[in-house]
Amino acid sequence: MIVPFIMPMTIDKIGIRNTTIFMAFFAVLGQYLFIIGLEHRSYNICLISRVIFGVSDSMTIVQQILMCMWFSAEQLPIAFSMMLF
């Protein structure tokens, strides 16, 4: 709930490229920890991994910023609909 409010400040401070890499790292780390949790049958590890993966859920904000930079104003509606599709 807090991450979407912090994400724009993070993008302004460290840049869009570093934020994208940061979010992708959290997505991979969260999925990897979930696999480890399943192997060890540990509910706590699985829960922690979902929290870590949830941080990467704000990748949508980064995707929308990239779309606004990449496409012109006339092309944005179709670009956003394709991204959501």
C-alpha atoms as a PDB file:
ATOM      1  CA  MET A   1       0.000   0.000   0.000  1.00  0.00           C
ATOM      2  CA  ILE A   2       2.890   2.371   0.667  1.00  0.00           C
ATOM      3  CA  VAL A   3       5.139   1.439  -2.255  1.00  0.00           C
ATOM      4  CA  PRO A   4       3.033   3.141  -4.997  1.00  0.00           C
ATOM      5  CA  PHE A   5       3.374   6.426  -3.118  1.00  0.00           C
ATOM      6  CA  ILE A   6       7.144   6.028  -2.702  1.00  0.00           C
ATOM      7  CA  MET A   7       7.813   4.789  -6.255  1.00  0.00           C
ATOM      8  CA  PRO A   8       7.638   8.179  -8.079  1.00  0.00           C
ATOM      9  CA  MET A   9      10.148   9.678  -5.655  1.00  0.00           C
ATOM     10  CA  THR A  10      12.426   6.676  -6.182  1.00  0.00           C
ATOM     11  CA  ILE A  11      12.206   7.066  -9.955  1.00  0.00           C
ATOM     12  CA  ASP A  12      13.069  10.773  -9.689  1.00  0.00           C
ATOM     13  CA  LYS A  13      15.973  10.087  -7.344  1.00  0.00           C
ATOM     14  CA  ILE A  14      17.728   7.059  -8.903  1.00  0.00           C
ATOM     15  CA  GLY A  15      16.384   7.104 -12.465  1.00  0.00           C
ATOM     16  CA  ILE A  16      14.062   4.941 -14.486  1.00  0.00           C
ATOM     17  CA  ARG A  17      16.696   2.427 -15.597  1.00  0.00           C
ATOM     18  CA  ASN A  18      17.945   1.710 -12.090  1.00  0.00           C
ATOM     19  CA  THR A  19      14.384   1.512 -10.769  1.00  0.00           C
ATOM     20  CA  THR A  20      13.481  -1.022 -13.467  1.00  0.00           C
ATOM     21  CA  ILE A  21      16.488  -3.166 -12.597  1.00  0.00           C
ATOM     22  CA  PHE A  22      15.658  -2.829  -8.889  1.00  0.00           C
ATOM     23  CA  MET A  23      12.046  -3.961  -9.415  1.00  0.00           C
ATOM     24  CA  ALA A  24      13.070  -6.860 -11.660  1.00  0.00           C
ATOM     25  CA  PHE A  25      15.547  -7.989  -9.000  1.00  0.00           C
ATOM     26  CA  PHE A  26      12.821  -8.003  -6.352  1.00  0.00           C
ATOM     27  CA  ALA A  27      10.520 -10.000  -8.651  1.00  0.00           C
ATOM     28  CA  VAL A  28      13.168 -12.664  -9.259  1.00  0.00           C
ATOM     29  CA  LEU A  29      14.223 -12.739  -5.598  1.00  0.00           C
ATOM     30  CA  GLY A  30      10.626 -13.100  -4.424  1.00  0.00           C
ATOM     31  CA  GLN A  31       9.931 -15.967  -6.813  1.00  0.00           C
ATOM     32  CA  TYR A  32      13.187 -17.707  -5.889  1.00  0.00           C
ATOM     33  CA  LEU A  33      12.457 -17.468  -2.174  1.00  0.00           C
ATOM     34  CA  PHE A  34       8.977 -18.848  -2.787  1.00  0.00           C
ATOM     35  CA  ILE A  35      10.488 -21.906  -4.473  1.00  0.00           C
ATOM     36  CA  ILE A  36      12.873 -22.333  -1.547  1.00  0.00           C
ATOM     37  CA  GLY A  37       9.938 -22.049   0.851  1.00  0.00           C
ATOM     38  CA  LEU A  38       8.020 -24.723  -1.042  1.00  0.00           C
ATOM     39  CA  GLU A  39      11.008 -27.058  -1.029  1.00  0.00           C
ATOM     40  CA  HIS A  40      11.430 -26.690   2.728  1.00  0.00           C
ATOM     41  CA  ARG A  41       7.652 -26.624   3.298  1.00  0.00           C
ATOM     42  CA  SER A  42       8.023 -23.420   5.267  1.00  0.00           C
ATOM     43  CA  TYR A  43       4.993 -21.172   5.375  1.00  0.00           C
ATOM     44  CA  ASN A  44       7.032 -18.292   6.825  1.00  0.00           C
ATOM     45  CA  ILE A  45       9.530 -18.252   3.944  1.00  0.00           C
ATOM     46  CA  CYS A  46       6.660 -18.368   1.448  1.00  0.00           C
ATOM     47  CA  LEU A  47       4.960 -15.461   3.187  1.00  0.00           C
ATOM     48  CA  ILE A  48       8.143 -13.371   3.263  1.00  0.00           C
ATOM     49  CA  SER A  49       8.751 -14.124  -0.407  1.00  0.00           C
ATOM     50  CA  ARG A  50       5.269 -12.883  -1.308  1.00  0.00           C
ATOM     51  CA  VAL A  51       5.961  -9.617   0.532  1.00  0.00           C
ATOM     52  CA  ILE A  52       9.218  -9.202  -1.411  1.00  0.00           C
ATOM     53  CA  PHE A  53       7.443 -10.021  -4.661  1.00  0.00           C
ATOM     54  CA  GLY A  54       4.714  -7.527  -3.739  1.00  0.00           C
ATOM     55  CA  VAL A  55       7.285  -4.726  -3.780  1.00  0.00           C
ATOM     56  CA  SER A  56       7.929  -5.509  -7.449  1.00  0.00           C
ATOM     57  CA  ASP A  57       4.204  -5.210  -8.167  1.00  0.00           C
ATOM     58  CA  SER A  58       4.704  -1.463  -8.532  1.00  0.00           C
ATOM     59  CA  MET A  59       6.493  -2.172 -11.797  1.00  0.00           C
ATOM     60  CA  THR A  60       3.288  -0.940 -13.470  1.00  0.00           C
ATOM     61  CA  ILE A  61       4.210   2.622 -12.533  1.00  0.00           C
ATOM     62  CA  VAL A  62       7.595   2.242 -14.211  1.00  0.00           C
ATOM     63  CA  GLN A  63       5.960   0.683 -17.294  1.00  0.00           C
ATOM     64  CA  GLN A  64       3.542   3.594 -17.618  1.00  0.00           C
ATOM     65  CA  ILE A  65       6.347   6.140 -17.380  1.00  0.00           C
ATOM     66  CA  LEU A  66       8.272   4.277 -20.078  1.00  0.00           C
ATOM     67  CA  MET A  67       5.162   4.201 -22.267  1.00  0.00           C
ATOM     68  CA  CYS A  68       4.665   7.955 -21.879  1.00  0.00           C
ATOM     69  CA  MET A  69       8.275   8.559 -22.871  1.00  0.00           C
ATOM     70  CA  TRP A  70       8.238   6.154 -25.815  1.00  0.00           C
ATOM     71  CA  PHE A  71       4.889   6.852 -27.526  1.00  0.00           C
ATOM     72  CA  SER A  72       3.309  10.071 -28.729  1.00  0.00           C
ATOM     73  CA  ALA A  73       0.034  11.409 -27.314  1.00  0.00           C
ATOM     74  CA  GLU A  74      -2.011   9.900 -30.164  1.00  0.00           C
ATOM     75  CA  GLN A  75      -0.498   6.448 -29.643  1.00  0.00           C
ATOM     76  CA  LEU A  76      -0.782   6.283 -25.848  1.00  0.00           C
ATOM     77  CA  PRO A  77      -4.314   4.826 -25.589  1.00  0.00           C
ATOM     78  CA  ILE A  78      -3.446   1.804 -27.731  1.00  0.00           C
ATOM     79  CA  ALA A  79      -0.087   1.392 -25.990  1.00  0.00           C
ATOM     80  CA  PHE A  80      -1.715   1.360 -22.533  1.00  0.00           C
ATOM     81  CA  SER A  81      -4.421  -1.059 -23.679  1.00  0.00           C
ATOM     82  CA  MET A  82      -1.789  -3.409 -25.119  1.00  0.00           C
ATOM     83  CA  MET A  83       0.195  -3.220 -21.875  1.00  0.00           C
ATOM     84  CA  LEU A  84      -2.871  -4.135 -19.813  1.00  0.00           C
ATOM     85  CA  PHE A  85      -3.866  -6.856 -22.253  1.00  0.00           C
END
